[in-house]
Amino acid sequence: MKQTKTTSAMRKVVLAINKSSDWLGNSLAWLLLLMVSVMLLVVLLRYGFDYGSIGLQESTLYLHALTFMLGAGYTLKFDDHVRVDVFYRNFTARTKAWVDILGFCLLLLPVCLFLFFSSWEYVISSWQLLEGSPEPGGLPLVFILKTNLLLMPVLLMLQGLAQTLMNVLTLLGQPMAQQTDEVLL
């Protein structure tokens, strides 16, 4: 089947979203390395030198939240989310495409919209207060951490859109190759 302007535009959107996801995923991989290093430092300081730092401990929490929440879309790109695929794995490519499209429209999109809109006021009020840690010596960046409650559903929706467009292309007989590269540090 000949590629039309519409399918060409769909491919460009998918490639742009996937490229952004790849960049973010690779950046988050480095944050994981930083998180492990900071956690090692926290343990060494606490048990080796009897010194504790609330700020250092909170930074590992922040890094973990960043990688988990901002990496959700990247995980979706590689189809590494939890799924019950007892039947799915035996489906044809077209049936899988239909299941994934319906899953995006009926499950992922509504949940992401719910998360975004139900978190909006919470995040905005945190920004208005420039909310910081309630702990003495804690990080004054809680408002930035809470912003992930808005970023995660947006990133998931974008990657879900890319996956859905890929599935539409499959149904049109013009499948795109699914990227299967893993993150390399």
N, C-alpha and C. Protein backbone atom coordinates (compact mmCIF):
# COMPACT_ATOMS: atom_id res chain seq x y z
N MET A 1 0.84 -1.17 0.00
CA MET A 1 0.00 0.00 0.00
C MET A 1 0.89 1.25 0.00
N LYS A 2 0.52 2.22 -0.80
CA LYS A 2 1.31 3.43 -0.96
C LYS A 2 1.16 4.34 0.27
N GLN A 3 2.26 4.97 0.65
CA GLN A 3 2.25 5.87 1.79
C GLN A 3 1.60 7.19 1.38
N THR A 4 0.63 7.64 2.15
CA THR A 4 -0.07 8.90 1.87
C THR A 4 0.51 10.01 2.76
N LYS A 5 0.00 11.23 2.55
CA LYS A 5 0.44 12.35 3.39
C LYS A 5 0.06 12.10 4.84
N THR A 6 -1.11 11.50 5.04
CA THR A 6 -1.57 11.23 6.41
C THR A 6 -0.68 10.21 7.10
N THR A 7 -0.39 9.10 6.42
CA THR A 7 0.46 8.09 7.04
C THR A 7 1.88 8.61 7.21
N SER A 8 2.34 9.44 6.30
CA SER A 8 3.66 10.05 6.45
C SER A 8 3.71 10.96 7.67
N ALA A 9 2.65 11.74 7.88
CA ALA A 9 2.58 12.62 9.06
C ALA A 9 2.51 11.78 10.33
N MET A 10 1.76 10.69 10.29
CA MET A 10 1.68 9.81 11.46
C MET A 10 3.05 9.26 11.81
N ARG A 11 3.80 8.85 10.81
CA ARG A 11 5.15 8.32 11.04
C ARG A 11 6.06 9.37 11.65
N LYS A 12 5.94 10.61 11.18
CA LYS A 12 6.77 11.69 11.72
C LYS A 12 6.45 11.96 13.18
N VAL A 13 5.16 11.93 13.52
CA VAL A 13 4.74 12.15 14.91
C VAL A 13 5.29 11.02 15.79
N VAL A 14 5.14 9.79 15.32
CA VAL A 14 5.64 8.64 16.09
C VAL A 14 7.15 8.76 16.29
N LEU A 15 7.88 9.09 15.23
CA LEU A 15 9.33 9.20 15.35
C LEU A 15 9.75 10.33 16.29
N ALA A 16 9.04 11.45 16.25
CA ALA A 16 9.36 12.58 17.14
C ALA A 16 9.12 12.20 18.60
N ILE A 17 7.97 11.57 18.87
CA ILE A 17 7.67 11.16 20.25
C ILE A 17 8.66 10.11 20.72
N ASN A 18 8.95 9.13 19.87
CA ASN A 18 9.89 8.08 20.25
C ASN A 18 11.29 8.62 20.49
N LYS A 19 11.71 9.59 19.68
CA LYS A 19 13.03 10.18 19.87
C LYS A 19 13.09 10.92 21.20
N SER A 20 12.03 11.65 21.54
CA SER A 20 11.97 12.35 22.82
C SER A 20 11.97 11.36 23.98
N SER A 21 11.22 10.28 23.83
CA SER A 21 11.18 9.23 24.86
C SER A 21 12.54 8.60 25.05
N ASP A 22 13.23 8.34 23.96
CA ASP A 22 14.57 7.77 24.04
C ASP A 22 15.53 8.69 24.79
N TRP A 23 15.47 9.98 24.45
CA TRP A 23 16.34 10.94 25.11
C TRP A 23 16.06 10.97 26.61
N LEU A 24 14.77 11.03 26.97
CA LEU A 24 14.40 11.07 28.38
C LEU A 24 14.79 9.78 29.09
N GLY A 25 14.53 8.65 28.45
CA GLY A 25 14.87 7.35 29.04
C GLY A 25 16.36 7.21 29.31
N ASN A 26 17.18 7.65 28.35
CA ASN A 26 18.63 7.58 28.55
C ASN A 26 19.09 8.54 29.64
N SER A 27 18.47 9.70 29.72
CA SER A 27 18.80 10.65 30.79
C SER A 27 18.43 10.08 32.15
N LEU A 28 17.29 9.44 32.22
CA LEU A 28 16.84 8.85 33.48
C LEU A 28 17.74 7.69 33.91
N ALA A 29 18.30 6.99 32.95
CA ALA A 29 19.23 5.91 33.29
C ALA A 29 20.43 6.47 34.05
N TRP A 30 20.89 7.64 33.64
CA TRP A 30 22.00 8.28 34.36
C TRP A 30 21.55 8.73 35.75
N LEU A 31 20.29 9.15 35.88
CA LEU A 31 19.79 9.53 37.21
C LEU A 31 19.77 8.32 38.14
N LEU A 32 19.51 7.14 37.60
CA LEU A 32 19.54 5.93 38.43
C LEU A 32 20.95 5.69 38.97
N LEU A 33 21.93 5.90 38.13
CA LEU A 33 23.32 5.75 38.57
C LEU A 33 23.63 6.77 39.67
N LEU A 34 23.16 8.00 39.49
CA LEU A 34 23.34 9.03 40.51
C LEU A 34 22.62 8.64 41.80
N MET A 35 21.41 8.10 41.67
CA MET A 35 20.64 7.70 42.85
C MET A 35 21.38 6.62 43.65
N VAL A 36 21.91 5.63 42.98
CA VAL A 36 22.65 4.57 43.66
C VAL A 36 23.89 5.14 44.33
N SER A 37 24.57 6.05 43.66
CA SER A 37 25.77 6.66 44.24
C SER A 37 25.43 7.48 45.49
N VAL A 38 24.35 8.24 45.42
CA VAL A 38 23.94 9.04 46.59
C VAL A 38 23.53 8.13 47.73
N MET A 39 22.81 7.06 47.42
CA MET A 39 22.40 6.12 48.47
C MET A 39 23.62 5.46 49.11
N LEU A 40 24.61 5.12 48.33
CA LEU A 40 25.85 4.57 48.85
C LEU A 40 26.52 5.58 49.78
N LEU A 41 26.54 6.84 49.37
CA LEU A 41 27.12 7.89 50.19
C LEU A 41 26.36 8.04 51.51
N VAL A 42 25.03 8.00 51.45
CA VAL A 42 24.20 8.10 52.67
C VAL A 42 24.56 6.97 53.64
N VAL A 43 24.65 5.76 53.13
CA VAL A 43 24.97 4.60 53.98
C VAL A 43 26.38 4.72 54.55
N LEU A 44 27.35 5.09 53.71
CA LEU A 44 28.73 5.24 54.19
C LEU A 44 28.83 6.31 55.27
N LEU A 45 28.17 7.44 55.04
CA LEU A 45 28.22 8.52 56.03
C LEU A 45 27.54 8.11 57.34
N ARG A 46 26.40 7.42 57.22
CA ARG A 46 25.65 7.06 58.42
C ARG A 46 26.38 6.00 59.25
N TYR A 47 26.80 4.92 58.59
CA TYR A 47 27.38 3.81 59.34
C TYR A 47 28.89 3.90 59.47
N GLY A 48 29.53 4.61 58.57
CA GLY A 48 30.98 4.73 58.66
C GLY A 48 31.44 5.92 59.48
N PHE A 49 30.67 7.01 59.42
CA PHE A 49 31.09 8.25 60.07
C PHE A 49 30.05 8.79 61.05
N ASP A 50 28.99 8.02 61.29
CA ASP A 50 27.92 8.42 62.21
C ASP A 50 27.39 9.82 61.89
N TYR A 51 27.20 10.07 60.60
CA TYR A 51 26.70 11.37 60.14
C TYR A 51 25.48 11.14 59.26
N GLY A 52 24.39 11.84 59.54
CA GLY A 52 23.19 11.72 58.74
C GLY A 52 22.82 13.04 58.11
N SER A 53 22.26 12.98 56.93
CA SER A 53 21.83 14.19 56.23
C SER A 53 20.44 13.95 55.65
N ILE A 54 19.47 14.69 56.17
CA ILE A 54 18.10 14.58 55.67
C ILE A 54 18.05 14.95 54.18
N GLY A 55 18.78 16.00 53.80
CA GLY A 55 18.80 16.43 52.40
C GLY A 55 19.30 15.35 51.47
N LEU A 56 20.37 14.65 51.85
CA LEU A 56 20.88 13.55 51.02
C LEU A 56 19.87 12.41 50.94
N GLN A 57 19.27 12.08 52.08
CA GLN A 57 18.28 11.01 52.08
C GLN A 57 17.09 11.37 51.19
N GLU A 58 16.62 12.60 51.29
CA GLU A 58 15.50 13.03 50.46
C GLU A 58 15.87 13.05 48.98
N SER A 59 17.12 13.36 48.69
CA SER A 59 17.53 13.41 47.28
C SER A 59 17.39 12.04 46.62
N THR A 60 17.64 10.96 47.37
CA THR A 60 17.44 9.63 46.77
C THR A 60 15.96 9.38 46.51
N LEU A 61 15.11 9.88 47.40
CA LEU A 61 13.67 9.76 47.20
C LEU A 61 13.23 10.52 45.95
N TYR A 62 13.76 11.74 45.79
CA TYR A 62 13.44 12.56 44.63
C TYR A 62 13.91 11.88 43.34
N LEU A 63 15.13 11.37 43.35
CA LEU A 63 15.66 10.72 42.15
C LEU A 63 14.86 9.47 41.80
N HIS A 64 14.45 8.72 42.82
CA HIS A 64 13.63 7.54 42.57
C HIS A 64 12.28 7.94 41.96
N ALA A 65 11.66 8.97 42.52
CA ALA A 65 10.37 9.43 42.00
C ALA A 65 10.51 9.92 40.55
N LEU A 66 11.58 10.66 40.28
CA LEU A 66 11.81 11.15 38.91
C LEU A 66 11.93 9.99 37.93
N THR A 67 12.75 9.00 38.26
CA THR A 67 12.96 7.90 37.31
C THR A 67 11.69 7.06 37.15
N PHE A 68 10.98 6.84 38.23
CA PHE A 68 9.76 6.03 38.14
C PHE A 68 8.67 6.75 37.36
N MET A 69 8.41 7.99 37.73
CA MET A 69 7.28 8.70 37.14
C MET A 69 7.57 9.19 35.73
N LEU A 70 8.76 9.72 35.50
CA LEU A 70 9.07 10.23 34.17
C LEU A 70 9.45 9.10 33.21
N GLY A 71 9.79 7.94 33.75
CA GLY A 71 10.16 6.81 32.90
C GLY A 71 8.99 5.94 32.49
N ALA A 72 7.79 6.26 32.96
CA ALA A 72 6.61 5.43 32.64
C ALA A 72 6.33 5.40 31.14
N GLY A 73 6.43 6.55 30.48
CA GLY A 73 6.20 6.59 29.03
C GLY A 73 7.26 5.81 28.26
N TYR A 74 8.50 5.93 28.70
CA TYR A 74 9.60 5.19 28.07
C TYR A 74 9.37 3.69 28.22
N THR A 75 8.90 3.28 29.38
CA THR A 75 8.61 1.86 29.61
C THR A 75 7.49 1.39 28.68
N LEU A 76 6.49 2.23 28.48
CA LEU A 76 5.39 1.90 27.57
C LEU A 76 5.91 1.71 26.15
N LYS A 77 6.88 2.53 25.76
CA LYS A 77 7.43 2.44 24.40
C LYS A 77 7.98 1.04 24.12
N PHE A 78 8.58 0.43 25.13
CA PHE A 78 9.16 -0.90 24.95
C PHE A 78 8.23 -2.02 25.39
N ASP A 79 6.96 -1.66 25.65
CA ASP A 79 5.94 -2.64 26.02
C ASP A 79 6.37 -3.44 27.25
N ASP A 80 6.99 -2.74 28.20
CA ASP A 80 7.48 -3.41 29.40
C ASP A 80 6.58 -3.20 30.61
N HIS A 81 5.37 -2.70 30.39
CA HIS A 81 4.43 -2.57 31.50
C HIS A 81 3.83 -3.92 31.81
N VAL A 82 3.27 -4.03 32.99
CA VAL A 82 2.62 -5.27 33.39
C VAL A 82 1.38 -5.48 32.52
N ARG A 83 1.26 -6.66 32.01
CA ARG A 83 0.07 -6.99 31.22
C ARG A 83 -0.16 -8.49 31.32
N VAL A 84 -1.41 -8.87 31.25
CA VAL A 84 -1.76 -10.28 31.24
C VAL A 84 -1.85 -10.66 29.78
N ASP A 85 -0.86 -11.38 29.31
CA ASP A 85 -0.83 -11.68 27.88
C ASP A 85 -1.03 -13.17 27.57
N VAL A 86 -1.84 -13.82 28.37
CA VAL A 86 -2.13 -15.23 28.12
C VAL A 86 -2.71 -15.40 26.71
N PHE A 87 -3.62 -14.51 26.34
CA PHE A 87 -4.24 -14.59 25.01
C PHE A 87 -3.51 -13.68 24.03
N TYR A 88 -3.08 -12.52 24.49
CA TYR A 88 -2.50 -11.48 23.64
C TYR A 88 -1.31 -12.01 22.83
N ARG A 89 -0.44 -12.77 23.47
CA ARG A 89 0.78 -13.22 22.78
C ARG A 89 0.49 -14.11 21.56
N ASN A 90 -0.68 -14.72 21.54
CA ASN A 90 -1.04 -15.59 20.41
C ASN A 90 -1.86 -14.87 19.34
N PHE A 91 -2.18 -13.60 19.56
CA PHE A 91 -2.97 -12.84 18.59
C PHE A 91 -2.14 -12.50 17.36
N THR A 92 -2.83 -12.26 16.25
CA THR A 92 -2.16 -11.76 15.06
C THR A 92 -1.78 -10.30 15.28
N ALA A 93 -0.94 -9.77 14.41
CA ALA A 93 -0.51 -8.37 14.52
C ALA A 93 -1.71 -7.43 14.45
N ARG A 94 -2.67 -7.73 13.59
CA ARG A 94 -3.86 -6.86 13.47
C ARG A 94 -4.72 -6.92 14.74
N THR A 95 -4.89 -8.09 15.31
CA THR A 95 -5.69 -8.22 16.53
C THR A 95 -4.99 -7.51 17.69
N LYS A 96 -3.67 -7.68 17.77
CA LYS A 96 -2.91 -6.96 18.80
C LYS A 96 -3.07 -5.45 18.64
N ALA A 97 -3.04 -4.99 17.40
CA ALA A 97 -3.20 -3.56 17.13
C ALA A 97 -4.56 -3.08 17.63
N TRP A 98 -5.61 -3.84 17.36
CA TRP A 98 -6.95 -3.45 17.83
C TRP A 98 -7.02 -3.44 19.36
N VAL A 99 -6.46 -4.45 19.99
CA VAL A 99 -6.46 -4.53 21.46
C VAL A 99 -5.72 -3.33 22.04
N ASP A 100 -4.57 -3.00 21.47
CA ASP A 100 -3.77 -1.87 21.97
C ASP A 100 -4.48 -0.53 21.74
N ILE A 101 -5.11 -0.37 20.61
CA ILE A 101 -5.85 0.87 20.34
C ILE A 101 -7.00 1.02 21.33
N LEU A 102 -7.75 -0.04 21.54
CA LEU A 102 -8.85 0.01 22.50
C LEU A 102 -8.33 0.23 23.92
N GLY A 103 -7.21 -0.39 24.25
CA GLY A 103 -6.61 -0.20 25.57
C GLY A 103 -6.21 1.25 25.80
N PHE A 104 -5.67 1.88 24.77
CA PHE A 104 -5.30 3.29 24.89
C PHE A 104 -6.55 4.15 25.07
N CYS A 105 -7.52 3.94 24.20
CA CYS A 105 -8.73 4.80 24.21
C CYS A 105 -9.60 4.58 25.45
N LEU A 106 -9.72 3.34 25.91
CA LEU A 106 -10.64 3.03 27.00
C LEU A 106 -9.98 2.97 28.38
N LEU A 107 -8.67 2.78 28.42
CA LEU A 107 -8.00 2.64 29.71
C LEU A 107 -6.92 3.70 29.94
N LEU A 108 -5.88 3.68 29.13
CA LEU A 108 -4.74 4.56 29.38
C LEU A 108 -5.12 6.03 29.30
N LEU A 109 -5.78 6.44 28.26
CA LEU A 109 -6.15 7.85 28.10
C LEU A 109 -7.05 8.36 29.23
N PRO A 110 -8.14 7.66 29.56
CA PRO A 110 -8.97 8.15 30.67
C PRO A 110 -8.24 8.20 32.02
N VAL A 111 -7.42 7.20 32.30
CA VAL A 111 -6.68 7.19 33.57
C VAL A 111 -5.68 8.35 33.61
N CYS A 112 -4.98 8.59 32.51
CA CYS A 112 -4.02 9.69 32.46
C CYS A 112 -4.73 11.04 32.60
N LEU A 113 -5.85 11.20 31.94
CA LEU A 113 -6.62 12.45 32.08
C LEU A 113 -7.11 12.63 33.50
N PHE A 114 -7.57 11.56 34.12
CA PHE A 114 -8.01 11.63 35.51
C PHE A 114 -6.85 12.03 36.42
N LEU A 115 -5.69 11.38 36.26
CA LEU A 115 -4.52 11.72 37.08
C LEU A 115 -4.12 13.18 36.90
N PHE A 116 -4.10 13.63 35.67
CA PHE A 116 -3.70 15.00 35.39
C PHE A 116 -4.65 16.00 36.04
N PHE A 117 -5.94 15.86 35.77
CA PHE A 117 -6.90 16.85 36.25
C PHE A 117 -7.14 16.76 37.76
N SER A 118 -7.03 15.57 38.33
CA SER A 118 -7.21 15.46 39.78
C SER A 118 -5.97 15.94 40.54
N SER A 119 -4.82 16.00 39.89
CA SER A 119 -3.59 16.48 40.53
C SER A 119 -3.35 17.96 40.33
N TRP A 120 -4.05 18.57 39.40
CA TRP A 120 -3.79 19.94 39.00
C TRP A 120 -3.78 20.91 40.18
N GLU A 121 -4.86 20.96 40.95
CA GLU A 121 -4.96 21.89 42.09
C GLU A 121 -3.88 21.62 43.13
N TYR A 122 -3.64 20.36 43.39
CA TYR A 122 -2.64 19.94 44.36
C TYR A 122 -1.26 20.47 43.98
N VAL A 123 -0.91 20.33 42.72
CA VAL A 123 0.40 20.78 42.23
C VAL A 123 0.46 22.31 42.21
N ILE A 124 -0.60 22.95 41.73
CA ILE A 124 -0.63 24.41 41.66
C ILE A 124 -0.48 25.02 43.05
N SER A 125 -1.20 24.46 44.04
CA SER A 125 -1.08 25.02 45.40
C SER A 125 0.31 24.80 45.96
N SER A 126 0.95 23.72 45.60
CA SER A 126 2.32 23.48 46.04
C SER A 126 3.27 24.51 45.42
N TRP A 127 3.05 24.84 44.16
CA TRP A 127 3.87 25.87 43.49
C TRP A 127 3.61 27.25 44.10
N GLN A 128 2.37 27.54 44.42
CA GLN A 128 2.05 28.84 45.02
C GLN A 128 2.75 29.03 46.36
N LEU A 129 2.89 27.95 47.10
CA LEU A 129 3.58 28.01 48.39
C LEU A 129 5.09 27.83 48.26
N LEU A 130 5.55 27.43 47.06
CA LEU A 130 6.93 26.99 46.88
C LEU A 130 7.28 26.00 47.99
N GLU A 131 6.44 24.99 48.08
CA GLU A 131 6.49 24.02 49.17
C GLU A 131 7.85 23.34 49.27
N GLY A 132 8.32 23.25 50.47
CA GLY A 132 9.59 22.58 50.76
C GLY A 132 9.36 21.43 51.72
N SER A 133 10.42 20.78 52.08
CA SER A 133 10.36 19.65 52.99
C SER A 133 9.96 20.11 54.38
N PRO A 134 9.12 19.33 55.05
CA PRO A 134 8.76 19.67 56.43
C PRO A 134 9.89 19.33 57.42
N GLU A 135 10.87 18.58 56.96
CA GLU A 135 11.98 18.17 57.82
C GLU A 135 13.06 19.25 57.87
N PRO A 136 13.61 19.50 59.05
CA PRO A 136 14.74 20.44 59.12
C PRO A 136 15.93 19.89 58.33
N GLY A 137 16.49 20.71 57.47
CA GLY A 137 17.60 20.26 56.63
C GLY A 137 17.16 19.52 55.38
N GLY A 138 15.84 19.44 55.17
CA GLY A 138 15.32 18.76 53.98
C GLY A 138 15.39 19.65 52.76
N LEU A 139 15.12 19.08 51.62
CA LEU A 139 15.19 19.82 50.36
C LEU A 139 13.98 20.75 50.20
N PRO A 140 14.21 21.96 49.74
CA PRO A 140 13.11 22.91 49.58
C PRO A 140 12.43 22.79 48.21
N LEU A 141 12.34 21.60 47.67
CA LEU A 141 11.88 21.42 46.29
C LEU A 141 10.66 20.51 46.16
N VAL A 142 9.86 20.40 47.17
CA VAL A 142 8.70 19.51 47.11
C VAL A 142 7.77 19.89 45.96
N PHE A 143 7.65 21.19 45.70
CA PHE A 143 6.78 21.65 44.61
C PHE A 143 7.24 21.12 43.26
N ILE A 144 8.54 20.99 43.08
CA ILE A 144 9.06 20.44 41.82
C ILE A 144 8.79 18.94 41.77
N LEU A 145 8.97 18.27 42.89
CA LEU A 145 8.69 16.84 42.95
C LEU A 145 7.22 16.56 42.62
N LYS A 146 6.32 17.36 43.16
CA LYS A 146 4.89 17.16 42.91
C LYS A 146 4.51 17.44 41.46
N THR A 147 5.32 18.20 40.76
CA THR A 147 5.06 18.48 39.34
C THR A 147 5.07 17.20 38.52
N ASN A 148 5.77 16.18 39.01
CA ASN A 148 5.77 14.89 38.32
C ASN A 148 4.38 14.29 38.21
N LEU A 149 3.48 14.70 39.12
CA LEU A 149 2.10 14.21 39.05
C LEU A 149 1.39 14.70 37.79
N LEU A 150 1.89 15.79 37.22
CA LEU A 150 1.33 16.28 35.96
C LEU A 150 2.15 15.79 34.76
N LEU A 151 3.45 15.69 34.94
CA LEU A 151 4.31 15.27 33.83
C LEU A 151 4.12 13.81 33.47
N MET A 152 3.96 12.95 34.46
CA MET A 152 3.82 11.52 34.18
C MET A 152 2.64 11.21 33.27
N PRO A 153 1.42 11.70 33.57
CA PRO A 153 0.32 11.36 32.66
C PRO A 153 0.48 11.98 31.27
N VAL A 154 1.11 13.15 31.19
CA VAL A 154 1.33 13.77 29.87
C VAL A 154 2.29 12.90 29.06
N LEU A 155 3.38 12.48 29.67
CA LEU A 155 4.35 11.64 28.97
C LEU A 155 3.76 10.28 28.59
N LEU A 156 2.95 9.72 29.48
CA LEU A 156 2.27 8.46 29.16
C LEU A 156 1.29 8.62 28.00
N MET A 157 0.54 9.73 28.02
CA MET A 157 -0.42 9.97 26.93
C MET A 157 0.31 10.15 25.59
N LEU A 158 1.41 10.89 25.61
CA LEU A 158 2.17 11.09 24.37
C LEU A 158 2.69 9.76 23.83
N GLN A 159 3.29 8.95 24.71
CA GLN A 159 3.81 7.67 24.24
C GLN A 159 2.67 6.75 23.83
N GLY A 160 1.55 6.82 24.54
CA GLY A 160 0.38 6.04 24.15
C GLY A 160 -0.14 6.45 22.78
N LEU A 161 -0.10 7.76 22.50
CA LEU A 161 -0.49 8.25 21.18
C LEU A 161 0.44 7.70 20.10
N ALA A 162 1.74 7.71 20.38
CA ALA A 162 2.71 7.17 19.41
C ALA A 162 2.44 5.68 19.16
N GLN A 163 2.19 4.93 20.25
CA GLN A 163 1.92 3.50 20.10
C GLN A 163 0.62 3.28 19.32
N THR A 164 -0.38 4.12 19.59
CA THR A 164 -1.67 3.99 18.90
C THR A 164 -1.51 4.30 17.41
N LEU A 165 -0.75 5.34 17.10
CA LEU A 165 -0.51 5.66 15.68
C LEU A 165 0.22 4.52 14.99
N MET A 166 1.16 3.89 15.68
CA MET A 166 1.85 2.74 15.10
C MET A 166 0.86 1.60 14.84
N ASN A 167 -0.08 1.42 15.76
CA ASN A 167 -1.09 0.37 15.58
C ASN A 167 -2.05 0.70 14.44
N VAL A 168 -2.39 1.97 14.28
CA VAL A 168 -3.23 2.38 13.15
C VAL A 168 -2.49 2.10 11.84
N LEU A 169 -1.21 2.40 11.81
CA LEU A 169 -0.41 2.11 10.61
C LEU A 169 -0.39 0.61 10.32
N THR A 170 -0.32 -0.20 11.36
CA THR A 170 -0.38 -1.65 11.18
C THR A 170 -1.71 -2.05 10.55
N LEU A 171 -2.80 -1.46 11.04
CA LEU A 171 -4.12 -1.78 10.48
C LEU A 171 -4.25 -1.32 9.02
N LEU A 172 -3.52 -0.25 8.68
CA LEU A 172 -3.54 0.25 7.30
C LEU A 172 -2.59 -0.51 6.39
N GLY A 173 -1.90 -1.50 6.95
CA GLY A 173 -0.98 -2.30 6.15
C GLY A 173 0.38 -1.65 5.95
N GLN A 174 0.72 -0.67 6.79
CA GLN A 174 2.01 0.01 6.69
C GLN A 174 2.69 0.03 8.06
N PRO A 175 2.97 -1.15 8.62
CA PRO A 175 3.52 -1.19 9.98
C PRO A 175 4.90 -0.54 10.08
N MET A 176 5.12 0.06 11.23
CA MET A 176 6.45 0.59 11.54
C MET A 176 7.15 -0.46 12.39
N ALA A 177 8.44 -0.57 12.20
CA ALA A 177 9.21 -1.51 13.02
C ALA A 177 9.25 -0.99 14.45
N GLN A 178 8.94 -1.87 15.41
CA GLN A 178 8.99 -1.50 16.82
C GLN A 178 10.44 -1.50 17.25
N GLN A 179 10.88 -0.40 17.85
CA GLN A 179 12.25 -0.31 18.32
C GLN A 179 12.40 -1.19 19.55
N THR A 180 13.46 -1.97 19.58
CA THR A 180 13.67 -2.86 20.71
C THR A 180 15.00 -2.62 21.41
N ASP A 181 15.63 -1.49 21.12
CA ASP A 181 16.89 -1.18 21.79
C ASP A 181 16.66 -0.98 23.26
N GLU A 182 17.62 -1.36 24.05
CA GLU A 182 17.57 -1.11 25.48
C GLU A 182 18.51 0.04 25.79
N VAL A 183 18.33 0.62 26.95
CA VAL A 183 19.18 1.74 27.37
C VAL A 183 20.57 1.24 27.66
N LEU A 184 21.55 1.90 27.11
CA LEU A 184 22.93 1.58 27.38
C LEU A 184 23.59 2.77 28.02
N LEU A 185 24.20 2.58 29.16
CA LEU A 185 24.88 3.68 29.84
C LEU A 185 26.23 3.95 29.23
